[in-house]
Amino acid sequence: MRPRINAALIKALTRAHAWKEKLFSGQTPSIQTIAKAEGVTPRYVGRILRLAFLAPDIVEAILDGYQPANLELARLMKGIPIGWHEQRKVLGFSRG
């Protein structure tokens, strides 16, 4: 299987982790502050932030271009299960 880099997914993951770090470190006080600085809505920031809580192996697969062919950013923004096992199952990363 050849890697299929998805720039939109990678950009969203990068943003998610950067925004999470800003919030957790106290550098930025709120989602609203991030939204204003980025020129997006707070709702968008919240949806992207969910990606910061994907299982590490899912993040690695996406960064390497080995995500399932049907996995797109729009799918991830609809919602992600909290549990990593459930994430793998729902998003098509399960091996069994």
PDB file of N, CA and C in Angstrom:
ATOM      1  N   MET A   1       0.840  -1.176   0.000  1.00  0.00           N
ATOM      2  CA  MET A   1       0.000   0.000   0.000  1.00  0.00           C
ATOM      3  C   MET A   1       0.892   1.249   0.000  1.00  0.00           C
ATOM      4  N   ARG A   2       0.607   2.142  -0.915  1.00  0.00           N
ATOM      5  CA  ARG A   2       1.373   3.382  -1.004  1.00  0.00           C
ATOM      6  C   ARG A   2       0.730   4.451  -0.125  1.00  0.00           C
ATOM      7  N   PRO A   3       1.549   5.297   0.489  1.00  0.00           N
ATOM      8  CA  PRO A   3       0.978   6.363   1.325  1.00  0.00           C
ATOM      9  C   PRO A   3       0.163   7.348   0.491  1.00  0.00           C
ATOM     10  N   ARG A   4      -0.877   7.870   1.117  1.00  0.00           N
ATOM     11  CA  ARG A   4      -1.745   8.873   0.482  1.00  0.00           C
ATOM     12  C   ARG A   4      -1.846  10.038   1.461  1.00  0.00           C
ATOM     13  N   ILE A   5      -0.977  11.000   1.271  1.00  0.00           N
ATOM     14  CA  ILE A   5      -0.916  12.152   2.176  1.00  0.00           C
ATOM     15  C   ILE A   5      -2.173  13.001   1.990  1.00  0.00           C
ATOM     16  N   ASN A   6      -2.812  13.334   3.101  1.00  0.00           N
ATOM     17  CA  ASN A   6      -4.002  14.182   3.073  1.00  0.00           C
ATOM     18  C   ASN A   6      -3.634  15.481   3.795  1.00  0.00           C
ATOM     19  N   ALA A   7      -3.325  16.502   3.013  1.00  0.00           N
ATOM     20  CA  ALA A   7      -2.849  17.768   3.566  1.00  0.00           C
ATOM     21  C   ALA A   7      -3.863  18.403   4.513  1.00  0.00           C
ATOM     22  N   ALA A   8      -5.148  18.277   4.204  1.00  0.00           N
ATOM     23  CA  ALA A   8      -6.181  18.870   5.064  1.00  0.00           C
ATOM     24  C   ALA A   8      -6.191  18.205   6.442  1.00  0.00           C
ATOM     25  N   LEU A   9      -6.067  16.886   6.474  1.00  0.00           N
ATOM     26  CA  LEU A   9      -6.024  16.178   7.760  1.00  0.00           C
ATOM     27  C   LEU A   9      -4.781  16.566   8.559  1.00  0.00           C
ATOM     28  N   ILE A  10      -3.659  16.656   7.881  1.00  0.00           N
ATOM     29  CA  ILE A  10      -2.410  16.999   8.562  1.00  0.00           C
ATOM     30  C   ILE A  10      -2.473  18.423   9.106  1.00  0.00           C
ATOM     31  N   LYS A  11      -2.983  19.353   8.326  1.00  0.00           N
ATOM     32  CA  LYS A  11      -3.123  20.735   8.792  1.00  0.00           C
ATOM     33  C   LYS A  11      -4.042  20.806  10.007  1.00  0.00           C
ATOM     34  N   ALA A  12      -5.145  20.065   9.960  1.00  0.00           N
ATOM     35  CA  ALA A  12      -6.091  20.064  11.080  1.00  0.00           C
ATOM     36  C   ALA A  12      -5.461  19.462  12.331  1.00  0.00           C
ATOM     37  N   LEU A  13      -4.713  18.378  12.194  1.00  0.00           N
ATOM     38  CA  LEU A  13      -4.028  17.779  13.342  1.00  0.00           C
ATOM     39  C   LEU A  13      -3.016  18.750  13.940  1.00  0.00           C
ATOM     40  N   THR A  14      -2.286  19.423  13.089  1.00  0.00           N
ATOM     41  CA  THR A  14      -1.289  20.395  13.543  1.00  0.00           C
ATOM     42  C   THR A  14      -1.959  21.515  14.326  1.00  0.00           C
ATOM     43  N   ARG A  15      -3.042  22.037  13.777  1.00  0.00           N
ATOM     44  CA  ARG A  15      -3.783  23.095  14.468  1.00  0.00           C
ATOM     45  C   ARG A  15      -4.323  22.593  15.804  1.00  0.00           C
ATOM     46  N   ALA A  16      -4.901  21.412  15.791  1.00  0.00           N
ATOM     47  CA  ALA A  16      -5.505  20.857  17.006  1.00  0.00           C
ATOM     48  C   ALA A  16      -4.491  20.775  18.134  1.00  0.00           C
ATOM     49  N   HIS A  17      -3.319  20.252  17.842  1.00  0.00           N
ATOM     50  CA  HIS A  17      -2.310  20.100  18.889  1.00  0.00           C
ATOM     51  C   HIS A  17      -1.740  21.442  19.331  1.00  0.00           C
ATOM     52  N   ALA A  18      -1.581  22.360  18.402  1.00  0.00           N
ATOM     53  CA  ALA A  18      -1.081  23.696  18.767  1.00  0.00           C
ATOM     54  C   ALA A  18      -2.101  24.427  19.638  1.00  0.00           C
ATOM     55  N   TRP A  19      -3.368  24.361  19.255  1.00  0.00           N
ATOM     56  CA  TRP A  19      -4.415  25.034  20.030  1.00  0.00           C
ATOM     57  C   TRP A  19      -4.580  24.411  21.404  1.00  0.00           C
ATOM     58  N   LYS A  20      -4.518  23.080  21.462  1.00  0.00           N
ATOM     59  CA  LYS A  20      -4.616  22.397  22.764  1.00  0.00           C
ATOM     60  C   LYS A  20      -3.480  22.852  23.674  1.00  0.00           C
ATOM     61  N   GLU A  21      -2.291  22.940  23.139  1.00  0.00           N
ATOM     62  CA  GLU A  21      -1.135  23.371  23.930  1.00  0.00           C
ATOM     63  C   GLU A  21      -1.323  24.803  24.434  1.00  0.00           C
ATOM     64  N   LYS A  22      -1.837  25.681  23.586  1.00  0.00           N
ATOM     65  CA  LYS A  22      -2.081  27.062  24.002  1.00  0.00           C
ATOM     66  C   LYS A  22      -3.094  27.118  25.143  1.00  0.00           C
ATOM     67  N   LEU A  23      -4.127  26.309  25.048  1.00  0.00           N
ATOM     68  CA  LEU A  23      -5.157  26.296  26.092  1.00  0.00           C
ATOM     69  C   LEU A  23      -4.632  25.680  27.380  1.00  0.00           C
ATOM     70  N   PHE A  24      -3.983  24.531  27.277  1.00  0.00           N
ATOM     71  CA  PHE A  24      -3.506  23.829  28.461  1.00  0.00           C
ATOM     72  C   PHE A  24      -2.381  24.571  29.174  1.00  0.00           C
ATOM     73  N   SER A  25      -1.578  25.306  28.423  1.00  0.00           N
ATOM     74  CA  SER A  25      -0.458  26.029  29.030  1.00  0.00           C
ATOM     75  C   SER A  25      -0.905  27.354  29.651  1.00  0.00           C
ATOM     76  N   GLY A  26      -2.109  27.793  29.297  1.00  0.00           N
ATOM     77  CA  GLY A  26      -2.598  29.074  29.775  1.00  0.00           C
ATOM     78  C   GLY A  26      -2.194  30.243  28.895  1.00  0.00           C
ATOM     79  N   GLN A  27      -1.477  29.958  27.819  1.00  0.00           N
ATOM     80  CA  GLN A  27      -1.049  30.998  26.885  1.00  0.00           C
ATOM     81  C   GLN A  27      -2.258  31.690  26.255  1.00  0.00           C
ATOM     82  N   THR A  28      -3.317  30.929  26.040  1.00  0.00           N
ATOM     83  CA  THR A  28      -4.567  31.451  25.486  1.00  0.00           C
ATOM     84  C   THR A  28      -5.687  31.082  26.444  1.00  0.00           C
ATOM     85  N   PRO A  29      -6.533  32.039  26.802  1.00  0.00           N
ATOM     86  CA  PRO A  29      -7.547  31.770  27.824  1.00  0.00           C
ATOM     87  C   PRO A  29      -8.787  31.006  27.356  1.00  0.00           C
ATOM     88  N   SER A  30      -9.059  31.015  26.041  1.00  0.00           N
ATOM     89  CA  SER A  30     -10.323  30.400  25.631  1.00  0.00           C
ATOM     90  C   SER A  30     -10.342  30.040  24.148  1.00  0.00           C
ATOM     91  N   ILE A  31     -11.309  29.217  23.821  1.00  0.00           N
ATOM     92  CA  ILE A  31     -11.563  28.866  22.426  1.00  0.00           C
ATOM     93  C   ILE A  31     -11.943  30.120  21.634  1.00  0.00           C
ATOM     94  N   GLN A  32     -12.690  31.004  22.262  1.00  0.00           N
ATOM     95  CA  GLN A  32     -13.105  32.239  21.595  1.00  0.00           C
ATOM     96  C   GLN A  32     -11.891  33.088  21.208  1.00  0.00           C
ATOM     97  N   THR A  33     -10.894  33.128  22.065  1.00  0.00           N
ATOM     98  CA  THR A  33      -9.675  33.887  21.777  1.00  0.00           C
ATOM     99  C   THR A  33      -8.940  33.299  20.585  1.00  0.00           C
ATOM    100  N   ILE A  34      -8.843  31.980  20.541  1.00  0.00           N
ATOM    101  CA  ILE A  34      -8.208  31.310  19.404  1.00  0.00           C
ATOM    102  C   ILE A  34      -8.982  31.612  18.126  1.00  0.00           C
ATOM    103  N   ALA A  35     -10.295  31.490  18.197  1.00  0.00           N
ATOM    104  CA  ALA A  35     -11.133  31.721  17.024  1.00  0.00           C
ATOM    105  C   ALA A  35     -10.931  33.126  16.469  1.00  0.00           C
ATOM    106  N   LYS A  36     -10.914  34.097  17.358  1.00  0.00           N
ATOM    107  CA  LYS A  36     -10.734  35.492  16.927  1.00  0.00           C
ATOM    108  C   LYS A  36      -9.369  35.680  16.277  1.00  0.00           C
ATOM    109  N   ALA A  37      -8.335  35.120  16.874  1.00  0.00           N
ATOM    110  CA  ALA A  37      -6.977  35.259  16.346  1.00  0.00           C
ATOM    111  C   ALA A  37      -6.817  34.568  14.993  1.00  0.00           C
ATOM    112  N   GLU A  38      -7.528  33.466  14.797  1.00  0.00           N
ATOM    113  CA  GLU A  38      -7.402  32.674  13.573  1.00  0.00           C
ATOM    114  C   GLU A  38      -8.411  33.076  12.498  1.00  0.00           C
ATOM    115  N   GLY A  39      -9.376  33.897  12.864  1.00  0.00           N
ATOM    116  CA  GLY A  39     -10.398  34.308  11.904  1.00  0.00           C
ATOM    117  C   GLY A  39     -11.381  33.209  11.558  1.00  0.00           C
ATOM    118  N   VAL A  40     -11.673  32.380  12.554  1.00  0.00           N
ATOM    119  CA  VAL A  40     -12.640  31.289  12.380  1.00  0.00           C
ATOM    120  C   VAL A  40     -13.654  31.361  13.516  1.00  0.00           C
ATOM    121  N   THR A  41     -14.652  30.506  13.473  1.00  0.00           N
ATOM    122  CA  THR A  41     -15.662  30.506  14.523  1.00  0.00           C
ATOM    123  C   THR A  41     -15.216  29.649  15.708  1.00  0.00           C
ATOM    124  N   PRO A  42     -15.731  29.956  16.893  1.00  0.00           N
ATOM    125  CA  PRO A  42     -15.439  29.101  18.051  1.00  0.00           C
ATOM    126  C   PRO A  42     -15.901  27.655  17.813  1.00  0.00           C
ATOM    127  N   ARG A  43     -16.987  27.484  17.104  1.00  0.00           N
ATOM    128  CA  ARG A  43     -17.478  26.128  16.805  1.00  0.00           C
ATOM    129  C   ARG A  43     -16.444  25.344  15.987  1.00  0.00           C
ATOM    130  N   TYR A  44     -15.847  26.002  15.003  1.00  0.00           N
ATOM    131  CA  TYR A  44     -14.818  25.366  14.186  1.00  0.00           C
ATOM    132  C   TYR A  44     -13.623  24.974  15.056  1.00  0.00           C
ATOM    133  N   VAL A  45     -13.184  25.880  15.907  1.00  0.00           N
ATOM    134  CA  VAL A  45     -12.055  25.586  16.799  1.00  0.00           C
ATOM    135  C   VAL A  45     -12.375  24.361  17.653  1.00  0.00           C
ATOM    136  N   GLY A  46     -13.575  24.321  18.209  1.00  0.00           N
ATOM    137  CA  GLY A  46     -13.974  23.178  19.030  1.00  0.00           C
ATOM    138  C   GLY A  46     -13.949  21.869  18.268  1.00  0.00           C
ATOM    139  N   ARG A  47     -14.405  21.902  17.041  1.00  0.00           N
ATOM    140  CA  ARG A  47     -14.408  20.672  16.221  1.00  0.00           C
ATOM    141  C   ARG A  47     -12.992  20.219  15.891  1.00  0.00           C
ATOM    142  N   ILE A  48     -12.135  21.174  15.575  1.00  0.00           N
ATOM    143  CA  ILE A  48     -10.745  20.821  15.260  1.00  0.00           C
ATOM    144  C   ILE A  48     -10.019  20.328  16.510  1.00  0.00           C
ATOM    145  N   LEU A  49     -10.294  20.946  17.643  1.00  0.00           N
ATOM    146  CA  LEU A  49      -9.638  20.527  18.894  1.00  0.00           C
ATOM    147  C   LEU A  49      -9.869  19.058  19.223  1.00  0.00           C
ATOM    148  N   ARG A  50     -10.978  18.516  18.811  1.00  0.00           N
ATOM    149  CA  ARG A  50     -11.252  17.086  19.054  1.00  0.00           C
ATOM    150  C   ARG A  50     -10.139  16.200  18.511  1.00  0.00           C
ATOM    151  N   LEU A  51      -9.521  16.641  17.434  1.00  0.00           N
ATOM    152  CA  LEU A  51      -8.480  15.831  16.799  1.00  0.00           C
ATOM    153  C   LEU A  51      -7.247  15.676  17.677  1.00  0.00           C
ATOM    154  N   ALA A  52      -7.074  16.566  18.638  1.00  0.00           N
ATOM    155  CA  ALA A  52      -5.936  16.469  19.556  1.00  0.00           C
ATOM    156  C   ALA A  52      -6.077  15.271  20.493  1.00  0.00           C
ATOM    157  N   PHE A  53      -7.234  14.628  20.472  1.00  0.00           N
ATOM    158  CA  PHE A  53      -7.485  13.503  21.373  1.00  0.00           C
ATOM    159  C   PHE A  53      -7.664  12.188  20.626  1.00  0.00           C
ATOM    160  N   LEU A  54      -7.169  12.148  19.392  1.00  0.00           N
ATOM    161  CA  LEU A  54      -7.155  10.889  18.648  1.00  0.00           C
ATOM    162  C   LEU A  54      -6.070   9.979  19.209  1.00  0.00           C
ATOM    163  N   ALA A  55      -6.272   8.690  19.061  1.00  0.00           N
ATOM    164  CA  ALA A  55      -5.264   7.719  19.496  1.00  0.00           C
ATOM    165  C   ALA A  55      -3.937   8.009  18.782  1.00  0.00           C
ATOM    166  N   PRO A  56      -2.830   7.884  19.489  1.00  0.00           N
ATOM    167  CA  PRO A  56      -1.526   8.189  18.881  1.00  0.00           C
ATOM    168  C   PRO A  56      -1.245   7.404  17.592  1.00  0.00           C
ATOM    169  N   ASP A  57      -1.656   6.158  17.526  1.00  0.00           N
ATOM    170  CA  ASP A  57      -1.405   5.378  16.317  1.00  0.00           C
ATOM    171  C   ASP A  57      -2.237   5.877  15.134  1.00  0.00           C
ATOM    172  N   ILE A  58      -3.409   6.422  15.403  1.00  0.00           N
ATOM    173  CA  ILE A  58      -4.233   7.003  14.342  1.00  0.00           C
ATOM    174  C   ILE A  58      -3.555   8.274  13.825  1.00  0.00           C
ATOM    175  N   VAL A  59      -3.068   9.106  14.724  1.00  0.00           N
ATOM    176  CA  VAL A  59      -2.349  10.328  14.331  1.00  0.00           C
ATOM    177  C   VAL A  59      -1.139   9.960  13.480  1.00  0.00           C
ATOM    178  N   GLU A  60      -0.376   8.978  13.927  1.00  0.00           N
ATOM    179  CA  GLU A  60       0.817   8.551  13.194  1.00  0.00           C
ATOM    180  C   GLU A  60       0.456   8.050  11.796  1.00  0.00           C
ATOM    181  N   ALA A  61      -0.604   7.260  11.706  1.00  0.00           N
ATOM    182  CA  ALA A  61      -1.031   6.747  10.402  1.00  0.00           C
ATOM    183  C   ALA A  61      -1.415   7.887   9.466  1.00  0.00           C
ATOM    184  N   ILE A  62      -2.136   8.867   9.973  1.00  0.00           N
ATOM    185  CA  ILE A  62      -2.541  10.019   9.158  1.00  0.00           C
ATOM    186  C   ILE A  62      -1.306  10.803   8.702  1.00  0.00           C
ATOM    187  N   LEU A  63      -0.396  11.075   9.613  1.00  0.00           N
ATOM    188  CA  LEU A  63       0.809  11.826   9.258  1.00  0.00           C
ATOM    189  C   LEU A  63       1.658  11.093   8.227  1.00  0.00           C
ATOM    190  N   ASP A  64       1.649   9.759   8.284  1.00  0.00           N
ATOM    191  CA  ASP A  64       2.409   8.941   7.336  1.00  0.00           C
ATOM    192  C   ASP A  64       1.651   8.673   6.040  1.00  0.00           C
ATOM    193  N   GLY A  65       0.362   9.054   5.994  1.00  0.00           N
ATOM    194  CA  GLY A  65      -0.437   8.853   4.786  1.00  0.00           C
ATOM    195  C   GLY A  65      -1.086   7.491   4.691  1.00  0.00           C
ATOM    196  N   TYR A  66      -1.208   6.782   5.799  1.00  0.00           N
ATOM    197  CA  TYR A  66      -1.786   5.440   5.792  1.00  0.00           C
ATOM    198  C   TYR A  66      -3.156   5.362   6.462  1.00  0.00           C
ATOM    199  N   GLN A  67      -3.920   6.449   6.398  1.00  0.00           N
ATOM    200  CA  GLN A  67      -5.285   6.430   6.908  1.00  0.00           C
ATOM    201  C   GLN A  67      -6.170   5.693   5.906  1.00  0.00           C
ATOM    202  N   PRO A  68      -7.322   5.176   6.363  1.00  0.00           N
ATOM    203  CA  PRO A  68      -8.250   4.542   5.433  1.00  0.00           C
ATOM    204  C   PRO A  68      -8.617   5.501   4.294  1.00  0.00           C
ATOM    205  N   ALA A  69      -8.815   4.957   3.111  1.00  0.00           N
ATOM    206  CA  ALA A  69      -9.076   5.762   1.915  1.00  0.00           C
ATOM    207  C   ALA A  69     -10.278   6.686   2.076  1.00  0.00           C
ATOM    208  N   ASN A  70     -11.266   6.257   2.847  1.00  0.00           N
ATOM    209  CA  ASN A  70     -12.494   7.055   2.987  1.00  0.00           C
ATOM    210  C   ASN A  70     -12.459   8.031   4.162  1.00  0.00           C
ATOM    211  N   LEU A  71     -11.342   8.126   4.857  1.00  0.00           N
ATOM    212  CA  LEU A  71     -11.264   9.025   6.011  1.00  0.00           C
ATOM    213  C   LEU A  71     -10.893  10.435   5.555  1.00  0.00           C
ATOM    214  N   GLU A  72     -11.829  11.331   5.715  1.00  0.00           N
ATOM    215  CA  GLU A  72     -11.636  12.733   5.338  1.00  0.00           C
ATOM    216  C   GLU A  72     -11.895  13.620   6.556  1.00  0.00           C
ATOM    217  N   LEU A  73     -11.447  14.856   6.484  1.00  0.00           N
ATOM    218  CA  LEU A  73     -11.612  15.793   7.590  1.00  0.00           C
ATOM    219  C   LEU A  73     -13.084  15.976   7.944  1.00  0.00           C
ATOM    220  N   ALA A  74     -13.943  16.055   6.945  1.00  0.00           N
ATOM    221  CA  ALA A  74     -15.379  16.242   7.210  1.00  0.00           C
ATOM    222  C   ALA A  74     -15.910  15.132   8.113  1.00  0.00           C
ATOM    223  N   ARG A  75     -15.437  13.918   7.933  1.00  0.00           N
ATOM    224  CA  ARG A  75     -15.874  12.797   8.776  1.00  0.00           C
ATOM    225  C   ARG A  75     -15.419  12.994  10.216  1.00  0.00           C
ATOM    226  N   LEU A  76     -14.195  13.421  10.404  1.00  0.00           N
ATOM    227  CA  LEU A  76     -13.672  13.611  11.754  1.00  0.00           C
ATOM    228  C   LEU A  76     -14.364  14.764  12.471  1.00  0.00           C
ATOM    229  N   MET A  77     -14.764  15.772  11.730  1.00  0.00           N
ATOM    230  CA  MET A  77     -15.407  16.930  12.350  1.00  0.00           C
ATOM    231  C   MET A  77     -16.843  16.640  12.784  1.00  0.00           C
ATOM    232  N   LYS A  78     -17.403  15.531  12.326  1.00  0.00           N
ATOM    233  CA  LYS A  78     -18.760  15.162  12.754  1.00  0.00           C
ATOM    234  C   LYS A  78     -18.769  14.620  14.170  1.00  0.00           C
ATOM    235  N   GLY A  79     -17.637  14.165  14.631  1.00  0.00           N
ATOM    236  CA  GLY A  79     -17.552  13.612  15.976  1.00  0.00           C
ATOM    237  C   GLY A  79     -16.613  12.431  16.031  1.00  0.00           C
ATOM    238  N   ILE A  80     -15.968  12.287  17.171  1.00  0.00           N
ATOM    239  CA  ILE A  80     -14.996  11.218  17.375  1.00  0.00           C
ATOM    240  C   ILE A  80     -15.279  10.583  18.733  1.00  0.00           C
ATOM    241  N   PRO A  81     -15.337   9.255  18.788  1.00  0.00           N
ATOM    242  CA  PRO A  81     -15.505   8.611  20.100  1.00  0.00           C
ATOM    243  C   PRO A  81     -14.337   8.977  21.022  1.00  0.00           C
ATOM    244  N   ILE A  82     -14.598   8.956  22.313  1.00  0.00           N
ATOM    245  CA  ILE A  82     -13.558   9.292  23.292  1.00  0.00           C
ATOM    246  C   ILE A  82     -12.529   8.163  23.418  1.00  0.00           C
ATOM    247  N   GLY A  83     -13.012   6.939  23.496  1.00  0.00           N
ATOM    248  CA  GLY A  83     -12.111   5.803  23.687  1.00  0.00           C
ATOM    249  C   GLY A  83     -11.306   5.470  22.442  1.00  0.00           C
ATOM    250  N   TRP A  84     -10.028   5.186  22.628  1.00  0.00           N
ATOM    251  CA  TRP A  84      -9.161   4.907  21.494  1.00  0.00           C
ATOM    252  C   TRP A  84      -9.579   3.641  20.748  1.00  0.00           C
ATOM    253  N   HIS A  85      -9.979   2.614  21.470  1.00  0.00           N
ATOM    254  CA  HIS A  85     -10.421   1.375  20.812  1.00  0.00           C
ATOM    255  C   HIS A  85     -11.620   1.662  19.910  1.00  0.00           C
ATOM    256  N   GLU A  86     -12.555   2.421  20.428  1.00  0.00           N
ATOM    257  CA  GLU A  86     -13.754   2.773  19.656  1.00  0.00           C
ATOM    258  C   GLU A  86     -13.386   3.671  18.470  1.00  0.00           C
ATOM    259  N   GLN A  87     -12.439   4.567  18.643  1.00  0.00           N
ATOM    260  CA  GLN A  87     -11.978   5.402  17.530  1.00  0.00           C
ATOM    261  C   GLN A  87     -11.458   4.530  16.390  1.00  0.00           C
ATOM    262  N   ARG A  88     -10.616   3.570  16.743  1.00  0.00           N
ATOM    263  CA  ARG A  88     -10.048   2.684  15.718  1.00  0.00           C
ATOM    264  C   ARG A  88     -11.146   1.941  14.966  1.00  0.00           C
ATOM    265  N   LYS A  89     -12.116   1.469  15.697  1.00  0.00           N
ATOM    266  CA  LYS A  89     -13.217   0.715  15.109  1.00  0.00           C
ATOM    267  C   LYS A  89     -14.061   1.599  14.183  1.00  0.00           C
ATOM    268  N   VAL A  90     -14.502   2.739  14.682  1.00  0.00           N
ATOM    269  CA  VAL A  90     -15.400   3.630  13.945  1.00  0.00           C
ATOM    270  C   VAL A  90     -14.701   4.256  12.726  1.00  0.00           C
ATOM    271  N   LEU A  91     -13.435   4.578  12.865  1.00  0.00           N
ATOM    272  CA  LEU A  91     -12.724   5.279  11.787  1.00  0.00           C
ATOM    273  C   LEU A  91     -12.037   4.350  10.794  1.00  0.00           C
ATOM    274  N   GLY A  92     -12.131   3.044  11.020  1.00  0.00           N
ATOM    275  CA  GLY A  92     -11.589   2.090  10.053  1.00  0.00           C
ATOM    276  C   GLY A  92     -10.141   1.701  10.268  1.00  0.00           C
ATOM    277  N   PHE A  93      -9.660   1.823  11.498  1.00  0.00           N
ATOM    278  CA  PHE A  93      -8.286   1.443  11.817  1.00  0.00           C
ATOM    279  C   PHE A  93      -8.211   0.081  12.510  1.00  0.00           C
ATOM    280  N   SER A  94      -9.376  -0.536  12.771  1.00  0.00           N
ATOM    281  CA  SER A  94      -9.409  -1.831  13.457  1.00  0.00           C
ATOM    282  C   SER A  94      -8.768  -2.895  12.601  1.00  0.00           C
ATOM    283  N   ARG A  95      -8.107  -3.792  13.273  1.00  0.00           N
ATOM    284  CA  ARG A  95      -7.484  -4.908  12.561  1.00  0.00           C
ATOM    285  C   ARG A  95      -8.293  -6.186  12.685  1.00  0.00           C
ATOM    286  N   GLY A  96      -9.413  -6.097  13.375  1.00  0.00           N
ATOM    287  CA  GLY A  96     -10.138  -7.335  13.566  1.00  0.00           C
ATOM    288  C   GLY A  96     -11.597  -7.186  13.633  1.00  0.00           C
TER     289      GLY A  96
END
